[in-house]
Protein backbone atom coordinates (compact mmCIF):
# COMPACT_ATOMS: atom_id res chain seq x y z
CA UNK A 1 -7.06 -5.64 12.78
CA UNK A 2 -6.52 -3.55 9.65
CA UNK A 3 -4.52 -5.08 6.80
CA UNK A 4 -2.46 -2.77 4.57
CA UNK A 5 -0.80 -4.32 1.53
CA UNK A 6 2.08 -2.44 -0.07
CA UNK A 7 2.85 -1.19 3.43
CA UNK A 8 6.59 -0.75 2.83
CA UNK A 9 5.90 1.34 -0.25
CA UNK A 10 5.17 5.00 -0.78
CA UNK A 11 1.41 5.33 -0.28
CA UNK A 12 0.99 2.26 1.93
CA UNK A 13 3.55 3.43 4.49
CA UNK A 14 1.98 6.90 4.67
CA UNK A 15 -1.47 5.35 5.21
CA UNK A 16 -0.01 3.19 7.99
CA UNK A 17 1.55 6.24 9.61
CA UNK A 18 -1.65 8.23 9.28
CA UNK A 19 -3.68 5.49 10.95
CA UNK A 20 -1.06 5.27 13.71
CA UNK A 21 -1.53 8.99 14.36
CA UNK A 22 -5.26 8.34 14.67
CA UNK A 23 -4.61 5.74 17.36
CA UNK A 24 -4.73 2.63 15.17
CA UNK A 25 -1.87 0.41 16.31
CA UNK A 26 -3.27 -3.03 15.45
CA UNK A 27 -2.09 -3.14 11.84
CA UNK A 28 -1.03 -6.07 9.68
CA UNK A 29 1.56 -4.81 7.20
CA UNK A 30 1.97 -6.83 3.99
CA UNK A 31 4.76 -6.38 1.44
CA UNK A 32 8.12 -7.66 0.27
CA UNK A 33 10.15 -6.41 3.22
CA UNK A 34 13.53 -7.49 1.87
CA UNK A 35 14.46 -4.23 0.16
CA UNK A 36 16.85 -2.38 2.45
CA UNK A 37 15.98 1.06 1.05
CA UNK A 38 12.32 0.62 2.05
CA UNK A 39 12.90 -0.35 5.68
CA UNK A 40 12.80 3.22 6.97
CA UNK A 41 9.25 3.48 5.61
CA UNK A 42 7.89 0.98 8.11
CA UNK A 43 10.46 0.30 10.83
CA UNK A 44 9.11 2.98 13.19
CA UNK A 45 5.43 2.28 12.54
CA UNK A 46 3.25 0.64 15.18
CA UNK A 47 1.92 -2.70 13.94
CA UNK A 48 1.00 -6.18 15.09
CA UNK A 49 2.78 -8.16 12.40
CA UNK A 50 4.72 -8.04 9.15
CA UNK A 51 3.66 -10.59 6.53
CA UNK A 52 5.44 -11.26 3.25
CA UNK A 53 3.14 -10.71 0.30
CA UNK A 54 3.88 -14.23 -1.05
CA UNK A 55 2.33 -15.90 2.00
CA UNK A 56 -0.37 -13.35 2.75
CA UNK A 57 -3.19 -15.08 0.86
CA UNK A 58 -2.65 -18.29 2.83
CA UNK A 59 -2.37 -16.32 6.06
CA UNK A 60 -5.61 -14.46 5.25
CA UNK A 61 -7.53 -17.69 4.62
CA UNK A 62 -6.48 -18.97 8.03
CA UNK A 63 -6.80 -15.75 10.03
CA UNK A 64 -9.73 -13.91 8.46
CA UNK A 65 -11.62 -13.79 11.75
CA UNK A 66 -9.02 -11.36 13.06
CA UNK A 67 -9.30 -8.98 10.08
CA UNK A 68 -11.70 -6.02 10.25
CA UNK A 69 -10.66 -4.16 7.09
CA UNK A 70 -8.32 -4.56 4.12
CA UNK A 71 -6.58 -1.64 2.39
CA UNK A 72 -4.99 -3.13 -0.73
CA UNK A 73 -2.31 -0.76 -2.03
CA UNK A 74 0.30 -3.31 -3.11
CA UNK A 75 0.90 -3.35 -6.86
CA UNK A 76 3.50 -3.16 -9.60
CA UNK A 77 3.38 0.54 -10.51
CA UNK A 78 6.15 0.89 -13.09
CA UNK A 79 4.59 2.61 -16.13
CA UNK A 80 7.71 1.85 -18.19
CA UNK A 81 7.39 -1.93 -17.72
CA UNK A 82 5.90 -3.51 -20.84
CA UNK A 83 5.85 -7.19 -19.84
CA UNK A 84 2.11 -7.55 -19.25
CA UNK A 85 2.50 -10.95 -17.61
CA UNK A 86 4.07 -9.23 -14.60
CA UNK A 87 1.02 -7.03 -14.20
CA UNK A 88 -1.35 -9.97 -14.71
CA UNK A 89 0.22 -11.71 -11.73
CA UNK A 90 0.74 -8.80 -9.34
CA UNK A 91 -2.06 -6.38 -10.25
CA UNK A 92 -4.87 -8.64 -11.44
CA UNK A 93 -4.60 -12.21 -10.10
CA UNK A 94 -3.37 -11.14 -6.65
CA UNK A 95 -6.03 -8.44 -6.37
CA UNK A 96 -8.75 -10.87 -7.44
CA UNK A 97 -7.68 -13.29 -4.70
CA UNK A 98 -7.94 -10.54 -2.09
CA UNK A 99 -11.31 -9.34 -3.40
CA UNK A 100 -12.71 -12.88 -3.37
CA UNK A 101 -11.52 -13.54 0.18
CA UNK A 102 -13.01 -10.25 1.37
CA UNK A 103 -16.26 -11.29 -0.31
CA UNK A 104 -16.24 -14.78 1.21
CA UNK A 105 -15.50 -13.52 4.70
CA UNK A 106 -17.57 -10.28 4.49
CA UNK A 107 -14.62 -7.96 5.10
CA UNK A 108 -14.65 -4.34 3.84
CA UNK A 109 -12.07 -3.51 1.17
CA UNK A 110 -10.46 -0.39 -0.27
CA UNK A 111 -8.09 -0.93 -3.18
CA UNK A 112 -5.90 1.24 -5.38
CA UNK A 113 -6.89 1.82 -8.97
CA UNK A 114 -5.25 4.58 -11.01
CA UNK A 115 -5.86 7.59 -13.23
CA UNK A 116 -3.66 5.73 -15.73
CA UNK A 117 -6.88 3.89 -16.64
CA UNK A 118 -8.10 7.06 -18.40
CA UNK A 119 -5.45 6.95 -21.14
CA UNK A 120 -5.32 10.22 -23.05
CA UNK A 121 -8.57 11.33 -21.45
CA UNK A 122 -10.60 10.91 -24.64
CA UNK A 123 -13.67 10.22 -22.49
CA UNK A 124 -12.77 12.71 -19.79
CA UNK A 125 -11.84 11.94 -16.20
CA UNK A 126 -15.16 11.06 -14.64
CA UNK A 127 -15.41 8.03 -12.32
CA UNK A 128 -18.54 6.79 -14.09
CA UNK A 129 -18.90 3.00 -14.09
CA UNK A 130 -20.53 3.16 -17.53
CA UNK A 131 -17.27 4.40 -19.06
CA UNK A 132 -14.91 1.77 -17.68
CA UNK A 133 -15.31 -0.71 -20.54
CA UNK A 134 -14.54 2.03 -23.09
CA UNK A 135 -11.35 3.38 -21.53
CA UNK A 136 -8.08 3.00 -23.46
CA UNK A 137 -5.07 3.04 -21.07
CA UNK A 138 -1.72 3.97 -22.61
CA UNK A 139 0.50 1.34 -20.99
CA UNK A 140 0.35 -2.18 -19.49
CA UNK A 141 0.20 -0.76 -15.94
CA UNK A 142 -2.90 1.31 -16.71
CA UNK A 143 -4.42 -1.58 -18.63
CA UNK A 144 -3.95 -3.94 -15.67
CA UNK A 145 -5.66 -1.49 -13.33
CA UNK A 146 -8.57 -1.03 -15.72
CA UNK A 147 -8.93 -4.78 -16.29
CA UNK A 148 -9.25 -5.30 -12.56
CA UNK A 149 -11.81 -2.47 -12.27
CA UNK A 150 -13.83 -4.09 -15.06
CA UNK A 151 -13.69 -7.47 -13.35
CA UNK A 152 -14.82 -5.98 -10.03
CA UNK A 153 -17.79 -4.26 -11.64
CA UNK A 154 -18.89 -7.59 -13.13
CA UNK A 155 -19.10 -9.30 -9.75
CA UNK A 156 -22.52 -10.05 -8.33
CA UNK A 157 -21.05 -11.08 -4.99
CA UNK A 158 -18.83 -8.49 -3.36
CA UNK A 159 -17.46 -7.47 0.03
CA UNK A 160 -20.05 -5.67 2.21
CA UNK A 161 -18.22 -2.43 1.42
CA UNK A 162 -15.71 -1.87 -1.35
CA UNK A 163 -14.12 1.12 -3.02
CA UNK A 164 -11.55 1.36 -5.83
CA UNK A 165 -9.63 4.63 -5.69
CA UNK A 166 -8.33 6.12 -8.94
CA UNK A 167 -5.21 7.88 -7.71
CA UNK A 168 -4.01 10.78 -9.83
CA UNK A 169 -0.42 12.17 -9.63
CA UNK A 170 0.55 11.45 -6.05
CA UNK A 171 3.59 13.06 -4.42
CA UNK A 172 4.98 13.35 -0.93
CA UNK A 173 7.18 11.70 1.71
CA UNK A 174 8.30 8.05 1.68
CA UNK A 175 8.99 7.79 -2.06
CA UNK A 176 12.79 7.82 -1.70
CA UNK A 177 13.05 4.24 -3.02
CA UNK A 178 11.03 4.73 -6.22
CA UNK A 179 13.85 5.81 -8.52
CA UNK A 180 12.64 6.82 -11.96
CA UNK A 181 9.01 6.40 -10.88
CA UNK A 182 9.27 8.93 -8.02
CA UNK A 183 7.29 12.17 -8.39
CA UNK A 184 8.54 15.09 -10.47
CA UNK A 185 8.85 17.08 -7.23
CA UNK A 186 11.29 14.51 -5.85
CA UNK A 187 13.39 14.69 -9.00
CA UNK A 188 13.15 18.49 -9.18
CA UNK A 189 14.47 18.79 -5.63
CA UNK A 190 17.40 16.46 -6.40
CA UNK A 191 18.25 18.41 -9.57
CA UNK A 192 18.19 21.73 -7.76
CA UNK A 193 20.44 20.44 -5.00
CA UNK A 194 22.89 18.93 -7.47
CA UNK A 195 22.87 21.38 -10.38
CA UNK A 196 20.89 24.44 -9.32
CA UNK A 197 18.31 23.97 -12.06
CA UNK A 198 15.40 21.77 -13.10
CA UNK A 199 15.03 20.06 -16.47
CA UNK A 200 11.43 19.43 -17.50
CA UNK A 201 10.18 17.43 -20.46
CA UNK A 202 9.74 19.46 -23.61
CA UNK A 203 6.26 19.36 -25.11
CA UNK A 204 5.81 17.24 -28.22
CA UNK A 205 2.16 18.26 -28.53
CA UNK A 206 1.14 21.34 -30.55
CA UNK A 207 -1.49 22.39 -28.02
CA UNK A 208 0.93 22.60 -25.08
CA UNK A 209 3.94 24.86 -24.56
CA UNK A 210 7.07 23.45 -22.94
CA UNK A 211 6.47 22.86 -19.24
CA UNK A 212 2.76 23.56 -19.53
CA UNK A 213 1.70 19.92 -19.55
CA UNK A 214 -1.03 19.69 -16.92
CA UNK A 215 -1.56 17.08 -14.24
CA UNK A 216 -3.71 16.72 -11.15
CA UNK A 217 -1.05 16.59 -8.42
CA UNK A 218 -2.38 15.28 -5.09
CA UNK A 219 -0.50 15.22 -1.79
CA UNK A 220 -0.13 11.74 -0.30
CA UNK A 221 -1.33 12.91 3.12
CA UNK A 222 -4.65 13.85 1.51
CA UNK A 223 -4.96 10.31 0.14
CA UNK A 224 -4.55 8.93 3.63
CA UNK A 225 -7.21 11.31 4.96
CA UNK A 226 -9.67 10.21 2.26
CA UNK A 227 -9.02 6.52 2.98
CA UNK A 228 -9.66 7.15 6.67
CA UNK A 229 -12.93 8.92 5.80
CA UNK A 230 -14.06 6.04 3.60
CA UNK A 231 -13.28 3.50 6.30
CA UNK A 232 -15.33 5.43 8.80
CA UNK A 233 -18.31 6.50 6.67
CA UNK A 234 -18.56 3.64 4.14
CA UNK A 235 -20.46 5.48 1.38
CA UNK A 236 -21.86 3.78 -1.74
CA UNK A 237 -19.64 1.02 -3.14
CA UNK A 238 -17.79 1.85 -6.34
CA UNK A 239 -14.90 3.55 -8.10
CA UNK A 240 -13.91 6.99 -6.88
CA UNK A 241 -11.44 9.49 -8.30
CA UNK A 242 -8.82 10.74 -5.89
CA UNK A 243 -7.11 13.89 -7.09
CA UNK A 244 -7.64 17.55 -6.21
CA UNK A 245 -9.94 18.40 -9.10
CA UNK A 246 -7.53 21.13 -10.28
CA UNK A 247 -4.85 20.52 -12.92
CA UNK A 248 -1.55 22.37 -12.53
CA UNK A 249 1.45 22.67 -14.85
CA UNK A 250 4.85 21.08 -14.40
CA UNK A 251 6.31 24.60 -14.66
CA UNK A 252 4.25 25.68 -11.64
CA UNK A 253 5.37 22.57 -9.79
CA UNK A 254 9.06 23.26 -10.47
CA UNK A 255 8.62 26.91 -9.51
CA UNK A 256 7.00 25.89 -6.21
CA UNK A 257 9.97 23.62 -5.50
CA UNK A 258 12.42 26.49 -6.03
CA UNK A 259 10.29 28.72 -3.80
CA UNK A 260 10.30 26.11 -1.01
CA UNK A 261 14.11 26.24 -1.18
CA UNK A 262 14.16 30.07 -1.29
CA UNK A 263 15.81 30.05 -4.69
CA UNK A 264 15.05 31.80 -7.97
CA UNK A 265 13.72 29.40 -10.64
CA UNK A 266 16.14 28.05 -13.25
CA UNK A 267 14.15 25.80 -15.57
CA UNK A 268 15.21 24.28 -18.89
CA UNK A 269 13.75 21.60 -21.15
CA UNK A 270 14.79 18.22 -22.53
CA UNK A 271 13.06 15.88 -24.97
CA UNK A 272 10.60 13.42 -23.51
CA UNK A 273 12.23 9.96 -23.69
CA UNK A 274 11.16 8.11 -26.80
CA UNK A 275 10.07 5.00 -24.88
CA UNK A 276 7.24 6.96 -23.21
CA UNK A 277 6.70 9.82 -25.66
CA UNK A 278 3.71 8.36 -27.48
CA UNK A 279 2.15 7.22 -24.18
CA UNK A 280 2.50 10.50 -22.34
CA UNK A 281 -0.51 12.20 -20.74
CA UNK A 282 -0.58 15.94 -21.39
CA UNK A 283 -3.62 16.67 -19.24
CA UNK A 284 -5.28 14.97 -16.30
CA UNK A 285 -7.84 16.45 -13.93
CA UNK A 286 -9.99 14.41 -11.59
CA UNK A 287 -13.74 14.94 -11.58
CA UNK A 288 -14.21 14.89 -7.81
CA UNK A 289 -18.01 15.17 -7.80
CA UNK A 290 -18.65 11.63 -6.56
CA UNK A 291 -16.37 11.80 -3.52
CA UNK A 292 -17.68 15.22 -2.53
CA UNK A 293 -21.28 14.03 -2.85
CA UNK A 294 -20.33 11.08 -0.63
CA UNK A 295 -19.68 13.64 2.10
CA UNK A 296 -15.94 14.23 2.04
CA UNK A 297 -15.26 17.74 3.36
CA UNK A 298 -11.57 17.48 4.25
CA UNK A 299 -10.40 19.54 1.28
CA UNK A 300 -7.10 19.13 -0.56
CA UNK A 301 -3.70 20.67 -0.01
CA UNK A 302 -2.72 23.28 -2.61
CA UNK A 303 0.27 22.46 -4.80
CA UNK A 304 2.27 25.28 -3.23
CA UNK A 305 1.55 24.21 0.35
CA UNK A 306 2.07 20.53 -0.39
CA UNK A 307 5.41 21.11 -2.10
CA UNK A 308 6.56 23.40 0.72
CA UNK A 309 5.71 20.80 3.38
CA UNK A 310 7.30 17.97 1.40
CA UNK A 311 10.51 19.86 0.64
CA UNK A 312 11.05 21.53 4.03
CA UNK A 313 9.94 18.78 6.38
CA UNK A 314 10.96 15.64 4.48
CA UNK A 315 13.28 16.04 1.47
CA UNK A 316 15.64 18.46 3.24
CA UNK A 317 15.73 16.33 6.40
CA UNK A 318 15.47 12.82 4.93
CA UNK A 319 12.62 12.08 7.31
CA UNK A 320 9.75 9.68 6.66
CA UNK A 321 6.13 10.21 7.52
């Protein structure tokens, strides 16, 4: 059986659906399944069992012989949450428990790290283990992800195969429940439908014009394809970036959303909220050398094609993947 934590969430539910399409039906889905707005993410998936995240560790200790692989995607991902104790519990202690059990029982593990670990990118965006101790994340969420990466790299005993994936700016179906933390594409679509225009954050950095802040936007279906590749091929253990390797501007993203709706762009600008202004990344771009050298040849969906698929086949219809 394959365990997926965070399976009712955005990325976890897409990974579950992707594995279903590949013929994998024997899945153990782990999450807090009480949130009504997340039920459509998993209710039509094929799985063996749903397990609440609070009892999963005990279940794992007693049923490890049935587990072939763990994909740990469950985490607190709110970058505007500043109570670090929450992240210590959900992103560090819980992840350590899973890593240790996978080590004890020799079960392969893939877990979610984040590009938020790179902070302002002072040291670049290379998934080099030598840089991890020097990274300066901008918020408690990024710090928690980096602290766990550092802890993992210190371990002398590990699962037989493990990978930590540094997700960049992920967008795509099944993020309806994420509210403020949903992708800019999700919010752009809602703004266009409601008001006919998109409001982007104004730049507060002298090197960037309004709307020209750059991010590495990666389609969630591509993440699922990479995870499937890693499960099958099991390359060298370690941290791997997962973006497209090509930064694009928020203005291009908004324009692509208008195009997917066959509308002319109407884009204006508002100030970046003060609570995140001094912790705002103006540029991210994944160095994808390591994953490509590991043999991944699946490519990545262009921003234009990804936005078109997301808008036309999911946002306009309300469908899940």
